[in-house]
N, C-alpha and C. Protein backbone atom coordinates (compact mmCIF):
# COMPACT_ATOMS: atom_id res chain seq x y z
N MET A 1 10.26 10.74 19.10
CA MET A 1 9.80 9.35 18.93
C MET A 1 8.54 9.31 18.07
N LYS A 2 7.61 10.22 18.37
CA LYS A 2 6.35 10.21 17.61
C LYS A 2 6.60 10.54 16.14
N ARG A 3 7.56 11.43 15.89
CA ARG A 3 7.85 11.82 14.51
C ARG A 3 8.35 10.61 13.72
N ALA A 4 9.20 9.81 14.36
CA ALA A 4 9.72 8.61 13.69
C ALA A 4 8.59 7.63 13.42
N GLU A 5 7.68 7.50 14.37
CA GLU A 5 6.55 6.58 14.18
C GLU A 5 5.69 7.03 13.01
N LYS A 6 5.46 8.34 12.91
CA LYS A 6 4.65 8.86 11.81
C LYS A 6 5.35 8.61 10.48
N CYS A 7 6.67 8.81 10.47
CA CYS A 7 7.44 8.58 9.25
C CYS A 7 7.36 7.11 8.84
N ASN A 8 7.49 6.21 9.81
CA ASN A 8 7.41 4.78 9.52
C ASN A 8 6.03 4.41 8.98
N ALA A 9 5.00 5.00 9.55
CA ALA A 9 3.64 4.73 9.09
C ALA A 9 3.46 5.20 7.65
N GLU A 10 4.03 6.36 7.33
CA GLU A 10 3.92 6.88 5.97
C GLU A 10 4.64 5.97 4.98
N ILE A 11 5.85 5.54 5.36
CA ILE A 11 6.61 4.64 4.49
C ILE A 11 5.84 3.33 4.29
N HIS A 12 5.27 2.80 5.37
CA HIS A 12 4.50 1.56 5.30
C HIS A 12 3.31 1.74 4.35
N HIS A 13 2.64 2.90 4.45
CA HIS A 13 1.49 3.19 3.59
C HIS A 13 1.92 3.23 2.12
N ARG A 14 3.06 3.88 1.86
CA ARG A 14 3.57 3.97 0.49
C ARG A 14 3.90 2.59 -0.05
N LEU A 15 4.53 1.77 0.79
CA LEU A 15 4.89 0.41 0.36
C LEU A 15 3.63 -0.39 0.05
N LEU A 16 2.59 -0.23 0.87
CA LEU A 16 1.34 -0.93 0.62
C LEU A 16 0.73 -0.49 -0.71
N GLN A 17 0.78 0.83 -0.98
CA GLN A 17 0.25 1.35 -2.24
C GLN A 17 1.01 0.77 -3.42
N LEU A 18 2.35 0.72 -3.31
CA LEU A 18 3.17 0.17 -4.38
C LEU A 18 2.85 -1.31 -4.59
N LEU A 19 2.67 -2.03 -3.49
CA LEU A 19 2.35 -3.45 -3.58
C LEU A 19 1.01 -3.66 -4.28
N MET A 20 0.01 -2.88 -3.90
CA MET A 20 -1.31 -2.98 -4.53
C MET A 20 -1.22 -2.66 -6.02
N LEU A 21 -0.47 -1.60 -6.36
CA LEU A 21 -0.29 -1.22 -7.75
C LEU A 21 0.37 -2.36 -8.53
N HIS A 22 1.38 -2.98 -7.93
CA HIS A 22 2.09 -4.09 -8.56
C HIS A 22 1.15 -5.26 -8.81
N VAL A 23 0.32 -5.57 -7.81
CA VAL A 23 -0.63 -6.68 -7.94
C VAL A 23 -1.64 -6.40 -9.05
N VAL A 24 -2.16 -5.17 -9.09
CA VAL A 24 -3.14 -4.80 -10.11
C VAL A 24 -2.52 -4.89 -11.50
N CYS A 25 -1.28 -4.39 -11.62
CA CYS A 25 -0.59 -4.44 -12.92
C CYS A 25 -0.36 -5.89 -13.35
N ALA A 26 0.03 -6.73 -12.41
CA ALA A 26 0.27 -8.14 -12.73
C ALA A 26 -1.03 -8.81 -13.18
N MET A 27 -2.13 -8.51 -12.50
CA MET A 27 -3.42 -9.07 -12.87
C MET A 27 -3.83 -8.62 -14.27
N LEU A 28 -3.66 -7.32 -14.55
CA LEU A 28 -3.99 -6.79 -15.87
C LEU A 28 -3.14 -7.45 -16.94
N PHE A 29 -1.85 -7.60 -16.65
CA PHE A 29 -0.92 -8.20 -17.61
C PHE A 29 -1.34 -9.63 -17.95
N SER A 30 -1.64 -10.43 -16.92
CA SER A 30 -2.04 -11.81 -17.15
C SER A 30 -3.38 -11.86 -17.87
N PHE A 31 -4.28 -10.93 -17.55
CA PHE A 31 -5.59 -10.88 -18.20
C PHE A 31 -5.42 -10.59 -19.69
N VAL A 32 -4.54 -9.64 -20.03
CA VAL A 32 -4.27 -9.31 -21.43
C VAL A 32 -3.66 -10.51 -22.15
N ASN A 33 -2.75 -11.22 -21.48
CA ASN A 33 -2.13 -12.40 -22.08
C ASN A 33 -3.19 -13.45 -22.41
N VAL A 34 -4.09 -13.72 -21.48
CA VAL A 34 -5.14 -14.71 -21.69
C VAL A 34 -6.07 -14.26 -22.82
N THR A 35 -6.41 -12.98 -22.83
CA THR A 35 -7.32 -12.47 -23.86
C THR A 35 -6.70 -12.58 -25.25
N THR A 36 -5.43 -12.24 -25.38
CA THR A 36 -4.77 -12.30 -26.69
C THR A 36 -4.63 -13.75 -27.14
N GLU A 37 -4.47 -14.68 -26.19
CA GLU A 37 -4.37 -16.09 -26.55
C GLU A 37 -5.72 -16.61 -27.04
N LEU A 38 -6.81 -16.12 -26.44
CA LEU A 38 -8.15 -16.56 -26.84
C LEU A 38 -8.49 -16.03 -28.23
N ILE A 39 -8.02 -14.81 -28.54
CA ILE A 39 -8.30 -14.22 -29.85
C ILE A 39 -7.31 -14.79 -30.86
């Protein structure tokens, strides 16, 4: 049971990392779009 819990926690951590990465990439992308429009 504990092994499964640890595995679930690891998967959850990975998903959170992917989500954060996705958010950062989206923010960078929109920032670049705004910057290129201003120039």
